[in-house]
PDB file of N, CA and C in Angstrom:
ATOM      1  N   UNK A   1     -78.469 209.206  66.918  1.00  0.00           N
ATOM      2  CA  UNK A   1     -77.958 208.502  65.588  1.00  0.00           C
ATOM      3  C   UNK A   1     -77.225 207.444  65.728  1.00  0.00           C
ATOM      4  N   UNK A   2     -77.571 206.341  65.009  1.00  0.00           N
ATOM      5  CA  UNK A   2     -75.874 205.336  64.973  1.00  0.00           C
ATOM      6  C   UNK A   2     -74.907 205.399  64.518  1.00  0.00           C
ATOM      7  N   UNK A   3     -73.930 205.576  65.651  1.00  0.00           N
ATOM      8  CA  UNK A   3     -72.690 205.557  65.188  1.00  0.00           C
ATOM      9  C   UNK A   3     -71.628 204.282  64.588  1.00  0.00           C
ATOM     10  N   UNK A   4     -72.128 203.065  65.072  1.00  0.00           N
ATOM     11  CA  UNK A   4     -71.749 201.930  64.964  1.00  0.00           C
ATOM     12  C   UNK A   4     -72.571 201.140  63.713  1.00  0.00           C
ATOM     13  N   UNK A   5     -72.392 200.735  63.215  1.00  0.00           N
ATOM     14  CA  UNK A   5     -73.113 199.865  62.181  1.00  0.00           C
ATOM     15  C   UNK A   5     -72.428 198.423  62.114  1.00  0.00           C
ATOM     16  N   UNK A   6     -73.859 197.464  62.553  1.00  0.00           N
ATOM     17  CA  UNK A   6     -73.542 196.366  62.462  1.00  0.00           C
ATOM     18  C   UNK A   6     -73.270 195.801  61.106  1.00  0.00           C
ATOM     19  N   UNK A   7     -72.328 194.803  61.302  1.00  0.00           N
ATOM     20  CA  UNK A   7     -72.357 194.153  59.918  1.00  0.00           C
ATOM     21  C   UNK A   7     -73.427 193.497  59.423  1.00  0.00           C
ATOM     22  N   UNK A   8     -74.025 193.485  58.199  1.00  0.00           N
ATOM     23  CA  UNK A   8     -75.163 192.148  58.235  1.00  0.00           C
ATOM     24  C   UNK A   8     -74.536 191.133  57.832  1.00  0.00           C
ATOM     25  N   UNK A   9     -75.329 190.136  57.785  1.00  0.00           N
ATOM     26  CA  UNK A   9     -74.770 188.528  57.243  1.00  0.00           C
ATOM     27  C   UNK A   9     -75.048 188.391  56.148  1.00  0.00           C
ATOM     28  N   UNK A  10     -73.466 187.935  55.287  1.00  0.00           N
ATOM     29  CA  UNK A  10     -73.312 187.896  53.674  1.00  0.00           C
ATOM     30  C   UNK A  10     -73.835 186.384  53.601  1.00  0.00           C
ATOM     31  N   UNK A  11     -73.265 185.472  54.252  1.00  0.00           N
ATOM     32  CA  UNK A  11     -73.772 184.013  53.729  1.00  0.00           C
ATOM     33  C   UNK A  11     -74.068 183.861  54.885  1.00  0.00           C
ATOM     34  N   UNK A  12     -75.549 182.690  53.910  1.00  0.00           N
ATOM     35  CA  UNK A  12     -76.564 182.303  55.005  1.00  0.00           C
ATOM     36  C   UNK A  12     -77.069 180.847  54.487  1.00  0.00           C
ATOM     37  N   UNK A  13     -77.068 180.178  55.122  1.00  0.00           N
ATOM     38  CA  UNK A  13     -77.945 178.697  54.573  1.00  0.00           C
ATOM     39  C   UNK A  13     -79.557 178.402  54.895  1.00  0.00           C
ATOM     40  N   UNK A  14     -80.058 180.233  55.036  1.00  0.00           N
ATOM     41  CA  UNK A  14     -81.674 180.176  54.836  1.00  0.00           C
ATOM     42  C   UNK A  14     -81.621 181.020  53.127  1.00  0.00           C
ATOM     43  N   UNK A  15     -83.075 180.073  52.905  1.00  0.00           N
ATOM     44  CA  UNK A  15     -83.359 180.337  51.653  1.00  0.00           C
ATOM     45  C   UNK A  15     -84.448 180.479  51.618  1.00  0.00           C
ATOM     46  N   UNK A  16     -84.371 182.540  50.350  1.00  0.00           N
ATOM     47  CA  UNK A  16     -85.718 182.192  49.942  1.00  0.00           C
ATOM     48  C   UNK A  16     -86.320 182.261  49.118  1.00  0.00           C
ATOM     49  N   UNK A  17     -87.737 182.003  48.800  1.00  0.00           N
ATOM     50  CA  UNK A  17     -88.604 181.380  47.654  1.00  0.00           C
ATOM     51  C   UNK A  17     -89.585 182.457  47.744  1.00  0.00           C
ATOM     52  N   UNK A  18     -90.495 182.137  46.594  1.00  0.00           N
ATOM     53  CA  UNK A  18     -91.432 182.899  46.462  1.00  0.00           C
ATOM     54  C   UNK A  18     -92.511 182.963  47.607  1.00  0.00           C
ATOM     55  N   UNK A  19     -92.505 182.069  48.575  1.00  0.00           N
ATOM     56  CA  UNK A  19     -93.618 182.031  49.384  1.00  0.00           C
ATOM     57  C   UNK A  19     -93.578 182.772  50.545  1.00  0.00           C
ATOM     58  N   UNK A  20     -92.467 183.437  50.840  1.00  0.00           N
ATOM     59  CA  UNK A  20     -91.268 184.059  51.771  1.00  0.00           C
ATOM     60  C   UNK A  20     -91.763 185.602  51.596  1.00  0.00           C
ATOM     61  N   UNK A  21     -93.082 186.101  52.607  1.00  0.00           N
ATOM     62  CA  UNK A  21     -93.943 186.962  52.515  1.00  0.00           C
ATOM     63  C   UNK A  21     -93.122 188.337  53.839  1.00  0.00           C
ATOM     64  N   UNK A  22     -93.032 189.771  53.627  1.00  0.00           N
ATOM     65  CA  UNK A  22     -92.637 190.379  54.683  1.00  0.00           C
ATOM     66  C   UNK A  22     -93.665 190.271  55.777  1.00  0.00           C
ATOM     67  N   UNK A  23     -93.484 190.454  56.986  1.00  0.00           N
ATOM     68  CA  UNK A  23     -94.297 190.546  57.788  1.00  0.00           C
ATOM     69  C   UNK A  23     -95.184 191.677  58.228  1.00  0.00           C
ATOM     70  N   UNK A  24     -94.588 193.172  57.364  1.00  0.00           N
ATOM     71  CA  UNK A  24     -95.095 193.947  57.420  1.00  0.00           C
ATOM     72  C   UNK A  24     -96.242 194.496  56.201  1.00  0.00           C
ATOM     73  N   UNK A  25     -95.939 194.116  55.221  1.00  0.00           N
ATOM     74  CA  UNK A  25     -96.738 193.930  53.894  1.00  0.00           C
ATOM     75  C   UNK A  25     -97.492 193.198  52.899  1.00  0.00           C
ATOM     76  N   UNK A  26     -96.795 192.258  53.346  1.00  0.00           N
ATOM     77  CA  UNK A  26     -96.706 190.659  52.501  1.00  0.00           C
ATOM     78  C   UNK A  26     -96.078 190.857  51.328  1.00  0.00           C
ATOM     79  N   UNK A  27     -95.574 191.641  50.515  1.00  0.00           N
ATOM     80  CA  UNK A  27     -94.543 191.432  49.211  1.00  0.00           C
ATOM     81  C   UNK A  27     -93.099 190.769  49.835  1.00  0.00           C
ATOM     82  N   UNK A  28     -92.996 190.201  48.544  1.00  0.00           N
ATOM     83  CA  UNK A  28     -92.278 189.251  48.597  1.00  0.00           C
ATOM     84  C   UNK A  28     -90.710 189.445  49.524  1.00  0.00           C
ATOM     85  N   UNK A  29     -90.204 188.586  50.802  1.00  0.00           N
ATOM     86  CA  UNK A  29     -89.188 188.765  51.599  1.00  0.00           C
ATOM     87  C   UNK A  29     -87.703 188.589  51.521  1.00  0.00           C
ATOM     88  N   UNK A  30     -87.140 189.493  51.168  1.00  0.00           N
ATOM     89  CA  UNK A  30     -85.567 189.471  50.820  1.00  0.00           C
ATOM     90  C   UNK A  30     -84.477 189.452  51.693  1.00  0.00           C
ATOM     91  N   UNK A  31     -85.577 189.756  53.329  1.00  0.00           N
ATOM     92  CA  UNK A  31     -84.442 189.996  54.726  1.00  0.00           C
ATOM     93  C   UNK A  31     -84.871 189.643  55.782  1.00  0.00           C
ATOM     94  N   UNK A  32     -83.969 188.418  55.919  1.00  0.00           N
ATOM     95  CA  UNK A  32     -84.629 188.239  57.696  1.00  0.00           C
ATOM     96  C   UNK A  32     -84.135 188.666  59.203  1.00  0.00           C
ATOM     97  N   UNK A  33     -84.827 188.793  59.681  1.00  0.00           N
ATOM     98  CA  UNK A  33     -83.992 189.621  60.929  1.00  0.00           C
ATOM     99  C   UNK A  33     -84.339 188.432  62.376  1.00  0.00           C
ATOM    100  N   UNK A  34     -83.739 187.911  63.029  1.00  0.00           N
ATOM    101  CA  UNK A  34     -83.956 187.293  64.136  1.00  0.00           C
ATOM    102  C   UNK A  34     -83.216 187.668  66.034  1.00  0.00           C
ATOM    103  N   UNK A  35     -83.691 187.106  66.801  1.00  0.00           N
ATOM    104  CA  UNK A  35     -83.125 187.191  67.870  1.00  0.00           C
ATOM    105  C   UNK A  35     -82.760 185.808  68.207  1.00  0.00           C
ATOM    106  N   UNK A  36     -81.504 185.061  68.555  1.00  0.00           N
ATOM    107  CA  UNK A  36     -81.523 184.445  68.690  1.00  0.00           C
ATOM    108  C   UNK A  36     -80.937 184.420  70.836  1.00  0.00           C
ATOM    109  N   UNK A  37     -81.394 183.573  71.630  1.00  0.00           N
ATOM    110  CA  UNK A  37     -80.501 183.373  73.015  1.00  0.00           C
ATOM    111  C   UNK A  37     -79.214 183.087  73.098  1.00  0.00           C
ATOM    112  N   UNK A  38     -78.402 182.869  74.211  1.00  0.00           N
ATOM    113  CA  UNK A  38     -77.011 182.461  74.075  1.00  0.00           C
ATOM    114  C   UNK A  38     -76.622 181.063  73.814  1.00  0.00           C
ATOM    115  N   UNK A  39     -77.874 180.482  73.388  1.00  0.00           N
ATOM    116  CA  UNK A  39     -77.186 179.007  72.943  1.00  0.00           C
ATOM    117  C   UNK A  39     -77.857 178.942  71.504  1.00  0.00           C
ATOM    118  N   UNK A  40     -78.106 180.031  70.877  1.00  0.00           N
ATOM    119  CA  UNK A  40     -78.571 180.162  69.384  1.00  0.00           C
ATOM    120  C   UNK A  40     -79.825 179.338  69.135  1.00  0.00           C
ATOM    121  N   UNK A  41     -80.526 179.680  70.109  1.00  0.00           N
ATOM    122  CA  UNK A  41     -81.834 179.157  69.589  1.00  0.00           C
ATOM    123  C   UNK A  41     -82.309 180.314  69.703  1.00  0.00           C
ATOM    124  N   UNK A  42     -83.263 180.222  68.203  1.00  0.00           N
ATOM    125  CA  UNK A  42     -84.346 181.145  67.772  1.00  0.00           C
ATOM    126  C   UNK A  42     -85.444 181.420  68.794  1.00  0.00           C
ATOM    127  N   UNK A  43     -85.266 182.889  68.829  1.00  0.00           N
ATOM    128  CA  UNK A  43     -86.513 183.450  69.873  1.00  0.00           C
ATOM    129  C   UNK A  43     -87.297 184.297  69.036  1.00  0.00           C
ATOM    130  N   UNK A  44     -87.084 184.793  68.278  1.00  0.00           N
ATOM    131  CA  UNK A  44     -88.232 185.279  66.985  1.00  0.00           C
ATOM    132  C   UNK A  44     -87.445 185.724  65.890  1.00  0.00           C
ATOM    133  N   UNK A  45     -88.296 185.631  64.908  1.00  0.00           N
ATOM    134  CA  UNK A  45     -87.498 185.787  63.499  1.00  0.00           C
ATOM    135  C   UNK A  45     -88.563 186.776  62.860  1.00  0.00           C
ATOM    136  N   UNK A  46     -88.071 187.525  62.022  1.00  0.00           N
ATOM    137  CA  UNK A  46     -89.168 188.558  60.967  1.00  0.00           C
ATOM    138  C   UNK A  46     -88.677 188.584  59.120  1.00  0.00           C
ATOM    139  N   UNK A  47     -89.532 188.410  58.986  1.00  0.00           N
ATOM    140  CA  UNK A  47     -88.953 188.417  56.997  1.00  0.00           C
ATOM    141  C   UNK A  47     -89.636 190.241  56.612  1.00  0.00           C
ATOM    142  N   UNK A  48     -88.645 190.517  56.206  1.00  0.00           N
ATOM    143  CA  UNK A  48     -88.936 191.815  55.748  1.00  0.00           C
ATOM    144  C   UNK A  48     -88.875 191.715  53.632  1.00  0.00           C
ATOM    145  N   UNK A  49     -89.514 192.838  52.962  1.00  0.00           N
ATOM    146  CA  UNK A  49     -88.868 193.398  52.128  1.00  0.00           C
ATOM    147  C   UNK A  49     -88.410 194.172  51.864  1.00  0.00           C
ATOM    148  N   UNK A  50     -87.260 194.635  50.829  1.00  0.00           N
ATOM    149  CA  UNK A  50     -86.363 195.743  50.838  1.00  0.00           C
ATOM    150  C   UNK A  50     -86.755 196.828  51.519  1.00  0.00           C
ATOM    151  N   UNK A  51     -88.099 197.311  50.977  1.00  0.00           N
ATOM    152  CA  UNK A  51     -88.771 198.941  51.588  1.00  0.00           C
ATOM    153  C   UNK A  51     -88.687 198.807  53.209  1.00  0.00           C
ATOM    154  N   UNK A  52     -89.359 197.710  53.281  1.00  0.00           N
ATOM    155  CA  UNK A  52     -89.302 198.059  54.960  1.00  0.00           C
ATOM    156  C   UNK A  52     -88.038 197.685  56.025  1.00  0.00           C
ATOM    157  N   UNK A  53     -87.741 197.146  54.892  1.00  0.00           N
ATOM    158  CA  UNK A  53     -85.918 196.477  56.004  1.00  0.00           C
ATOM    159  C   UNK A  53     -85.384 198.025  55.881  1.00  0.00           C
ATOM    160  N   UNK A  54     -84.999 198.790  54.549  1.00  0.00           N
ATOM    161  CA  UNK A  54     -84.362 200.034  55.120  1.00  0.00           C
ATOM    162  C   UNK A  54     -85.212 201.031  55.945  1.00  0.00           C
ATOM    163  N   UNK A  55     -86.659 200.886  56.023  1.00  0.00           N
ATOM    164  CA  UNK A  55     -86.857 201.675  57.205  1.00  0.00           C
ATOM    165  C   UNK A  55     -87.268 201.244  58.316  1.00  0.00           C
ATOM    166  N   UNK A  56     -86.693 200.023  58.796  1.00  0.00           N
ATOM    167  CA  UNK A  56     -87.149 199.623  60.044  1.00  0.00           C
ATOM    168  C   UNK A  56     -85.038 199.133  60.487  1.00  0.00           C
ATOM    169  N   UNK A  57     -84.223 199.641  59.727  1.00  0.00           N
ATOM    170  CA  UNK A  57     -82.764 198.971  59.512  1.00  0.00           C
ATOM    171  C   UNK A  57     -82.681 199.670  60.998  1.00  0.00           C
ATOM    172  N   UNK A  58     -82.641 200.971  60.894  1.00  0.00           N
ATOM    173  CA  UNK A  58     -81.619 202.113  62.311  1.00  0.00           C
ATOM    174  C   UNK A  58     -82.108 201.507  63.128  1.00  0.00           C
ATOM    175  N   UNK A  59     -83.534 201.128  63.717  1.00  0.00           N
ATOM    176  CA  UNK A  59     -83.865 200.035  64.935  1.00  0.00           C
ATOM    177  C   UNK A  59     -83.521 198.946  64.992  1.00  0.00           C
ATOM    178  N   UNK A  60     -83.712 198.042  63.845  1.00  0.00           N
ATOM    179  CA  UNK A  60     -83.004 196.575  64.065  1.00  0.00           C
ATOM    180  C   UNK A  60     -82.010 196.766  64.173  1.00  0.00           C
ATOM    181  N   UNK A  61     -80.729 197.542  63.959  1.00  0.00           N
ATOM    182  CA  UNK A  61     -79.415 197.589  64.041  1.00  0.00           C
ATOM    183  C   UNK A  61     -79.055 198.039  65.950  1.00  0.00           C
ATOM    184  N   UNK A  62     -79.939 198.663  66.347  1.00  0.00           N
ATOM    185  CA  UNK A  62     -79.712 199.376  67.278  1.00  0.00           C
ATOM    186  C   UNK A  62     -80.326 198.097  68.543  1.00  0.00           C
ATOM    187  N   UNK A  63     -81.011 198.053  68.215  1.00  0.00           N
ATOM    188  CA  UNK A  63     -81.397 196.974  69.080  1.00  0.00           C
ATOM    189  C   UNK A  63     -80.778 195.444  69.093  1.00  0.00           C
ATOM    190  N   UNK A  64     -79.502 195.271  68.063  1.00  0.00           N
ATOM    191  CA  UNK A  64     -78.260 194.264  67.806  1.00  0.00           C
ATOM    192  C   UNK A  64     -79.411 193.193  67.605  1.00  0.00           C
ATOM    193  N   UNK A  65     -80.556 193.417  66.381  1.00  0.00           N
ATOM    194  CA  UNK A  65     -80.960 192.006  65.928  1.00  0.00           C
ATOM    195  C   UNK A  65     -79.730 191.692  64.633  1.00  0.00           C
ATOM    196  N   UNK A  66     -79.963 190.119  64.723  1.00  0.00           N
ATOM    197  CA  UNK A  66     -79.068 189.563  63.959  1.00  0.00           C
ATOM    198  C   UNK A  66     -80.174 189.561  62.212  1.00  0.00           C
ATOM    199  N   UNK A  67     -78.846 189.717  61.316  1.00  0.00           N
ATOM    200  CA  UNK A  67     -79.486 190.008  59.813  1.00  0.00           C
ATOM    201  C   UNK A  67     -79.245 189.703  58.999  1.00  0.00           C
ATOM    202  N   UNK A  68     -80.049 189.029  58.228  1.00  0.00           N
ATOM    203  CA  UNK A  68     -79.404 188.373  56.877  1.00  0.00           C
ATOM    204  C   UNK A  68     -80.269 188.936  55.729  1.00  0.00           C
ATOM    205  N   UNK A  69     -79.121 190.092  55.057  1.00  0.00           N
ATOM    206  CA  UNK A  69     -79.896 190.387  53.939  1.00  0.00           C
ATOM    207  C   UNK A  69     -79.823 190.307  52.583  1.00  0.00           C
ATOM    208  N   UNK A  70     -80.235 189.284  51.850  1.00  0.00           N
ATOM    209  CA  UNK A  70     -80.373 188.903  50.797  1.00  0.00           C
ATOM    210  C   UNK A  70     -81.024 189.764  49.789  1.00  0.00           C
ATOM    211  N   UNK A  71     -80.758 190.846  49.801  1.00  0.00           N
ATOM    212  CA  UNK A  71     -82.036 191.806  48.327  1.00  0.00           C
ATOM    213  C   UNK A  71     -80.815 192.089  47.515  1.00  0.00           C
ATOM    214  N   UNK A  72     -79.805 191.313  47.243  1.00  0.00           N
ATOM    215  CA  UNK A  72     -78.833 190.993  46.255  1.00  0.00           C
ATOM    216  C   UNK A  72     -79.446 189.873  45.347  1.00  0.00           C
ATOM    217  N   UNK A  73     -80.958 189.268  45.427  1.00  0.00           N
ATOM    218  CA  UNK A  73     -81.431 187.818  44.419  1.00  0.00           C
ATOM    219  C   UNK A  73     -82.555 188.973  43.768  1.00  0.00           C
ATOM    220  N   UNK A  74     -83.293 190.395  44.423  1.00  0.00           N
ATOM    221  CA  UNK A  74     -83.825 190.662  43.884  1.00  0.00           C
ATOM    222  C   UNK A  74     -82.905 192.183  42.629  1.00  0.00           C
ATOM    223  N   UNK A  75     -82.056 192.195  43.075  1.00  0.00           N
ATOM    224  CA  UNK A  75     -81.088 193.350  42.164  1.00  0.00           C
ATOM    225  C   UNK A  75     -80.879 191.814  40.818  1.00  0.00           C
ATOM    226  N   UNK A  76     -80.171 191.086  41.565  1.00  0.00           N
ATOM    227  CA  UNK A  76     -79.671 189.972  40.352  1.00  0.00           C
ATOM    228  C   UNK A  76     -81.571 189.700  39.496  1.00  0.00           C
ATOM    229  N   UNK A  77     -82.325 189.720  39.800  1.00  0.00           N
ATOM    230  CA  UNK A  77     -83.903 189.071  38.795  1.00  0.00           C
ATOM    231  C   UNK A  77     -83.902 189.977  38.159  1.00  0.00           C
ATOM    232  N   UNK A  78     -83.900 191.795  39.064  1.00  0.00           N
ATOM    233  CA  UNK A  78     -83.944 192.793  38.127  1.00  0.00           C
ATOM    234  C   UNK A  78     -82.845 192.343  36.986  1.00  0.00           C
ATOM    235  N   UNK A  79     -81.743 192.699  37.449  1.00  0.00           N
ATOM    236  CA  UNK A  79     -80.822 192.936  35.953  1.00  0.00           C
ATOM    237  C   UNK A  79     -80.983 191.931  34.961  1.00  0.00           C
ATOM    238  N   UNK A  80     -81.393 190.364  35.644  1.00  0.00           N
ATOM    239  CA  UNK A  80     -81.595 189.764  34.351  1.00  0.00           C
ATOM    240  C   UNK A  80     -82.753 189.881  33.241  1.00  0.00           C
ATOM    241  N   UNK A  81     -83.894 190.281  33.840  1.00  0.00           N
ATOM    242  CA  UNK A  81     -85.169 190.941  33.271  1.00  0.00           C
ATOM    243  C   UNK A  81     -84.993 191.358  31.844  1.00  0.00           C
ATOM    244  N   UNK A  82     -83.648 192.621  32.173  1.00  0.00           N
ATOM    245  CA  UNK A  82     -83.096 194.180  31.563  1.00  0.00           C
ATOM    246  C   UNK A  82     -82.448 193.351  30.315  1.00  0.00           C
ATOM    247  N   UNK A  83     -81.840 191.833  30.006  1.00  0.00           N
ATOM    248  CA  UNK A  83     -81.052 191.313  29.504  1.00  0.00           C
ATOM    249  C   UNK A  83     -82.043 191.389  28.139  1.00  0.00           C
ATOM    250  N   UNK A  84     -81.431 191.524  26.821  1.00  0.00           N
ATOM    251  CA  UNK A  84     -81.461 191.255  25.727  1.00  0.00           C
ATOM    252  C   UNK A  84     -82.766 189.584  25.960  1.00  0.00           C
ATOM    253  N   UNK A  85     -83.540 189.405  24.907  1.00  0.00           N
ATOM    254  CA  UNK A  85     -84.007 187.684  25.068  1.00  0.00           C
ATOM    255  C   UNK A  85     -83.336 186.898  24.001  1.00  0.00           C
ATOM    256  N   UNK A  86     -83.152 186.497  23.903  1.00  0.00           N
ATOM    257  CA  UNK A  86     -82.962 185.322  22.628  1.00  0.00           C
ATOM    258  C   UNK A  86     -84.203 185.188  21.727  1.00  0.00           C
ATOM    259  N   UNK A  87     -85.616 185.035  22.575  1.00  0.00           N
ATOM    260  CA  UNK A  87     -87.093 184.952  21.936  1.00  0.00           C
ATOM    261  C   UNK A  87     -87.337 185.550  20.368  1.00  0.00           C
ATOM    262  N   UNK A  88     -87.563 184.493  19.641  1.00  0.00           N
ATOM    263  CA  UNK A  88     -87.403 185.228  18.232  1.00  0.00           C
ATOM    264  C   UNK A  88     -89.000 184.921  18.066  1.00  0.00           C
ATOM    265  N   UNK A  89     -90.225 185.368  18.955  1.00  0.00           N
ATOM    266  CA  UNK A  89     -91.345 185.751  18.593  1.00  0.00           C
ATOM    267  C   UNK A  89     -91.480 186.744  17.628  1.00  0.00           C
TER     268      UNK A  89
END
């Protein structure tokens, strides 16, 4: 059991777009995890959808991966879809 939770990155210069896909299933990615060496050189980077990140998060945290979770983008997109439209079709 993990007793200490690593805080996820809240601000990032990485910008997700529709071409960033989950390395596990191919769905749109909203979470980037990466390992750096001592000089902040990227050694490995993986992208995940929310589902696969949630499934793998305990192991990623335990192994001290750097986590850039931007799932809030998806939550905003869903909320925007639920807003009434001004279209008069």
